[in-house]
Amino acid sequence: MSEYKHDYKHDHKHDHKKCKGIEDILRKLPPNSAVAGVYVNGGLVPLAAFSNLCDCLAYFIDEAGQVYVINVDSIDLIAFGEADVD
């Protein structure tokens, strides 16, 4: 029976240089794209729109006009569209 060895070259959790999913998505978004919120380290940050991406920082704006600067590596999930808050 052969011994299984994990190939870390193909494990996206360990290969951050090749797995830039959130950053790639944000680079393609035009300014003022509707974003309901992002999850940062597991917690929801309610937002209204994406502003821009500079280096590893994503800029967002909430409903009140407050600017949020978030490290791209901390973003777990992006919710697009308008938030349905109840």
N, C-alpha and C. Protein backbone atom coordinates (compact mmCIF):
# COMPACT_ATOMS: atom_id res chain seq x y z
N MET A 1 0.84 -1.18 0.00
CA MET A 1 0.00 0.00 0.00
C MET A 1 0.88 1.24 0.00
N SER A 2 0.63 2.17 -0.90
CA SER A 2 1.47 3.36 -0.99
C SER A 2 1.08 4.38 0.08
N GLU A 3 2.07 5.12 0.51
CA GLU A 3 1.85 6.15 1.53
C GLU A 3 1.45 7.45 0.85
N TYR A 4 0.38 8.07 1.33
CA TYR A 4 -0.10 9.34 0.76
C TYR A 4 0.74 10.48 1.29
N LYS A 5 1.19 11.33 0.41
CA LYS A 5 1.91 12.55 0.80
C LYS A 5 1.17 13.73 0.22
N HIS A 6 0.91 14.70 1.05
CA HIS A 6 0.17 15.90 0.62
C HIS A 6 1.05 16.76 -0.27
N ASP A 7 0.52 17.19 -1.38
CA ASP A 7 1.25 18.05 -2.32
C ASP A 7 0.88 19.51 -2.04
N TYR A 8 1.70 20.19 -1.26
CA TYR A 8 1.42 21.57 -0.88
C TYR A 8 1.49 22.54 -2.06
N LYS A 9 2.11 22.15 -3.15
CA LYS A 9 2.16 23.02 -4.33
C LYS A 9 0.78 23.25 -4.91
N HIS A 10 -0.14 22.32 -4.68
CA HIS A 10 -1.48 22.44 -5.23
C HIS A 10 -2.53 22.71 -4.16
N ASP A 11 -2.10 22.96 -2.95
CA ASP A 11 -3.03 23.27 -1.86
C ASP A 11 -3.19 24.78 -1.79
N HIS A 12 -4.36 25.29 -2.16
CA HIS A 12 -4.58 26.73 -2.21
C HIS A 12 -4.47 27.40 -0.85
N LYS A 13 -4.70 26.66 0.22
CA LYS A 13 -4.57 27.26 1.55
C LYS A 13 -3.11 27.57 1.88
N HIS A 14 -2.21 26.89 1.24
CA HIS A 14 -0.79 27.07 1.53
C HIS A 14 -0.04 27.78 0.42
N ASP A 15 -0.71 28.12 -0.66
CA ASP A 15 -0.04 28.72 -1.80
C ASP A 15 -0.67 30.08 -2.09
N HIS A 16 -0.38 31.05 -1.22
CA HIS A 16 -1.01 32.35 -1.32
C HIS A 16 -0.58 33.13 -2.56
N LYS A 17 0.59 32.86 -3.10
CA LYS A 17 1.05 33.60 -4.28
C LYS A 17 0.22 33.24 -5.51
N LYS A 18 -0.29 32.02 -5.58
CA LYS A 18 -1.06 31.60 -6.73
C LYS A 18 -2.57 31.69 -6.49
N CYS A 19 -2.98 31.84 -5.25
CA CYS A 19 -4.40 31.86 -4.92
C CYS A 19 -4.77 33.24 -4.41
N LYS A 20 -5.11 34.14 -5.32
CA LYS A 20 -5.45 35.51 -4.96
C LYS A 20 -6.88 35.79 -5.38
N GLY A 21 -7.79 34.89 -5.10
CA GLY A 21 -9.16 34.99 -5.58
C GLY A 21 -9.85 36.30 -5.26
N ILE A 22 -9.88 36.69 -4.00
CA ILE A 22 -10.56 37.93 -3.60
C ILE A 22 -9.88 39.13 -4.25
N GLU A 23 -8.57 39.17 -4.23
CA GLU A 23 -7.85 40.28 -4.84
C GLU A 23 -8.13 40.37 -6.34
N ASP A 24 -8.14 39.23 -7.01
CA ASP A 24 -8.42 39.21 -8.46
C ASP A 24 -9.83 39.73 -8.76
N ILE A 25 -10.79 39.33 -7.95
CA ILE A 25 -12.17 39.81 -8.13
C ILE A 25 -12.23 41.32 -7.94
N LEU A 26 -11.62 41.82 -6.88
CA LEU A 26 -11.66 43.26 -6.60
C LEU A 26 -10.96 44.07 -7.69
N ARG A 27 -9.89 43.54 -8.25
CA ARG A 27 -9.18 44.26 -9.33
C ARG A 27 -10.06 44.46 -10.56
N LYS A 28 -11.01 43.57 -10.77
CA LYS A 28 -11.89 43.64 -11.94
C LYS A 28 -13.15 44.47 -11.69
N LEU A 29 -13.43 44.80 -10.44
CA LEU A 29 -14.64 45.57 -10.12
C LEU A 29 -14.47 47.04 -10.44
N PRO A 30 -15.44 47.64 -11.09
CA PRO A 30 -15.37 49.09 -11.31
C PRO A 30 -15.70 49.84 -10.02
N PRO A 31 -15.20 51.06 -9.86
CA PRO A 31 -15.54 51.86 -8.68
C PRO A 31 -17.06 52.03 -8.57
N ASN A 32 -17.52 52.12 -7.34
CA ASN A 32 -18.94 52.29 -7.00
C ASN A 32 -19.78 51.04 -7.25
N SER A 33 -19.15 49.88 -7.40
CA SER A 33 -19.91 48.64 -7.52
C SER A 33 -20.63 48.38 -6.20
N ALA A 34 -21.90 47.98 -6.29
CA ALA A 34 -22.68 47.69 -5.08
C ALA A 34 -22.11 46.47 -4.37
N VAL A 35 -21.82 46.63 -3.09
CA VAL A 35 -21.33 45.56 -2.24
C VAL A 35 -22.12 45.64 -0.94
N ALA A 36 -22.86 44.60 -0.62
CA ALA A 36 -23.68 44.61 0.59
C ALA A 36 -22.81 44.52 1.84
N GLY A 37 -21.69 43.82 1.73
CA GLY A 37 -20.80 43.68 2.87
C GLY A 37 -19.69 42.70 2.58
N VAL A 38 -18.75 42.65 3.50
CA VAL A 38 -17.66 41.67 3.43
C VAL A 38 -17.54 41.02 4.80
N TYR A 39 -17.08 39.79 4.79
CA TYR A 39 -16.75 39.11 6.04
C TYR A 39 -15.25 39.21 6.23
N VAL A 40 -14.86 39.78 7.35
CA VAL A 40 -13.45 39.95 7.68
C VAL A 40 -13.16 39.11 8.92
N ASN A 41 -12.30 38.13 8.75
CA ASN A 41 -11.97 37.21 9.83
C ASN A 41 -13.22 36.65 10.50
N GLY A 42 -14.24 36.35 9.70
CA GLY A 42 -15.46 35.72 10.19
C GLY A 42 -16.57 36.66 10.62
N GLY A 43 -16.32 37.96 10.68
CA GLY A 43 -17.34 38.91 11.10
C GLY A 43 -17.81 39.78 9.94
N LEU A 44 -19.12 40.07 9.91
CA LEU A 44 -19.70 40.87 8.83
C LEU A 44 -19.40 42.35 9.00
N VAL A 45 -18.98 42.99 7.92
CA VAL A 45 -18.82 44.45 7.85
C VAL A 45 -19.82 44.92 6.80
N PRO A 46 -20.97 45.51 7.22
CA PRO A 46 -21.96 45.98 6.26
C PRO A 46 -21.42 47.17 5.47
N LEU A 47 -21.61 47.15 4.16
CA LEU A 47 -21.08 48.19 3.29
C LEU A 47 -22.11 48.56 2.23
N ALA A 48 -21.80 49.56 1.44
CA ALA A 48 -22.68 49.97 0.35
C ALA A 48 -22.01 49.80 -1.01
N ALA A 49 -20.70 50.14 -1.08
CA ALA A 49 -20.04 50.13 -2.39
C ALA A 49 -18.54 49.89 -2.25
N PHE A 50 -17.98 49.31 -3.29
CA PHE A 50 -16.53 49.17 -3.43
C PHE A 50 -16.01 50.46 -4.03
N SER A 51 -14.90 50.96 -3.52
CA SER A 51 -14.30 52.18 -4.07
C SER A 51 -13.12 51.85 -4.97
N ASN A 52 -12.07 51.28 -4.39
CA ASN A 52 -10.89 50.96 -5.18
C ASN A 52 -9.98 50.00 -4.43
N LEU A 53 -8.96 49.54 -5.13
CA LEU A 53 -7.96 48.62 -4.58
C LEU A 53 -6.60 49.23 -4.83
N CYS A 54 -5.80 49.32 -3.79
CA CYS A 54 -4.45 49.88 -3.90
C CYS A 54 -3.52 49.00 -3.09
N ASP A 55 -2.54 48.42 -3.76
CA ASP A 55 -1.64 47.45 -3.14
C ASP A 55 -2.48 46.32 -2.57
N CYS A 56 -2.40 46.04 -1.30
CA CYS A 56 -3.18 44.96 -0.69
C CYS A 56 -4.34 45.50 0.13
N LEU A 57 -4.74 46.72 -0.11
CA LEU A 57 -5.81 47.35 0.65
C LEU A 57 -7.02 47.61 -0.24
N ALA A 58 -8.19 47.20 0.24
CA ALA A 58 -9.45 47.43 -0.47
C ALA A 58 -10.20 48.55 0.25
N TYR A 59 -10.70 49.48 -0.53
CA TYR A 59 -11.44 50.63 0.01
C TYR A 59 -12.92 50.45 -0.30
N PHE A 60 -13.74 50.57 0.75
CA PHE A 60 -15.19 50.44 0.63
C PHE A 60 -15.85 51.64 1.29
N ILE A 61 -17.12 51.87 0.97
CA ILE A 61 -17.90 52.95 1.56
C ILE A 61 -19.19 52.35 2.10
N ASP A 62 -19.59 52.77 3.31
CA ASP A 62 -20.86 52.29 3.85
C ASP A 62 -21.99 53.27 3.53
N GLU A 63 -23.19 52.99 3.98
CA GLU A 63 -24.37 53.81 3.68
C GLU A 63 -24.23 55.24 4.17
N ALA A 64 -23.50 55.45 5.26
CA ALA A 64 -23.33 56.78 5.84
C ALA A 64 -22.19 57.56 5.20
N GLY A 65 -21.47 56.92 4.27
CA GLY A 65 -20.35 57.59 3.62
C GLY A 65 -19.02 57.36 4.30
N GLN A 66 -19.01 56.55 5.35
CA GLN A 66 -17.77 56.20 6.06
C GLN A 66 -16.90 55.33 5.15
N VAL A 67 -15.61 55.63 5.08
CA VAL A 67 -14.68 54.86 4.26
C VAL A 67 -14.04 53.77 5.12
N TYR A 68 -14.01 52.56 4.59
CA TYR A 68 -13.37 51.43 5.26
C TYR A 68 -12.19 50.98 4.42
N VAL A 69 -11.04 50.82 5.05
CA VAL A 69 -9.84 50.31 4.38
C VAL A 69 -9.56 48.95 5.00
N ILE A 70 -9.63 47.91 4.17
CA ILE A 70 -9.53 46.54 4.66
C ILE A 70 -8.41 45.80 3.93
N ASN A 71 -7.58 45.11 4.70
CA ASN A 71 -6.52 44.29 4.13
C ASN A 71 -7.17 43.16 3.33
N VAL A 72 -6.82 43.03 2.08
CA VAL A 72 -7.43 42.03 1.19
C VAL A 72 -7.27 40.62 1.76
N ASP A 73 -6.14 40.33 2.38
CA ASP A 73 -5.90 39.00 2.93
C ASP A 73 -6.86 38.65 4.07
N SER A 74 -7.51 39.65 4.66
CA SER A 74 -8.44 39.41 5.77
C SER A 74 -9.87 39.15 5.30
N ILE A 75 -10.15 39.39 4.03
CA ILE A 75 -11.52 39.24 3.52
C ILE A 75 -11.79 37.77 3.20
N ASP A 76 -12.82 37.23 3.88
CA ASP A 76 -13.22 35.83 3.67
C ASP A 76 -14.29 35.69 2.60
N LEU A 77 -15.16 36.70 2.47
CA LEU A 77 -16.32 36.60 1.59
C LEU A 77 -16.78 37.99 1.21
N ILE A 78 -17.27 38.14 -0.01
CA ILE A 78 -17.85 39.41 -0.46
C ILE A 78 -19.30 39.14 -0.85
N ALA A 79 -20.23 39.93 -0.29
CA ALA A 79 -21.65 39.84 -0.66
C ALA A 79 -21.94 40.99 -1.62
N PHE A 80 -22.32 40.66 -2.85
CA PHE A 80 -22.58 41.68 -3.86
C PHE A 80 -24.04 42.08 -3.86
N GLY A 81 -24.32 43.25 -4.39
CA GLY A 81 -25.68 43.76 -4.46
C GLY A 81 -26.02 44.56 -3.22
N GLU A 82 -27.27 44.93 -3.12
CA GLU A 82 -27.71 45.70 -1.97
C GLU A 82 -28.07 44.76 -0.83
N ALA A 83 -27.77 45.20 0.38
CA ALA A 83 -28.06 44.39 1.56
C ALA A 83 -29.56 44.37 1.83
N ASP A 84 -30.06 43.23 2.26
CA ASP A 84 -31.45 43.09 2.67
C ASP A 84 -31.45 42.95 4.18
N VAL A 85 -31.37 44.07 4.87
CA VAL A 85 -31.24 44.08 6.32
C VAL A 85 -32.62 44.10 6.96
N ASP A 86 -32.91 43.11 7.80
CA ASP A 86 -34.17 43.05 8.53
C ASP A 86 -33.92 42.94 10.01
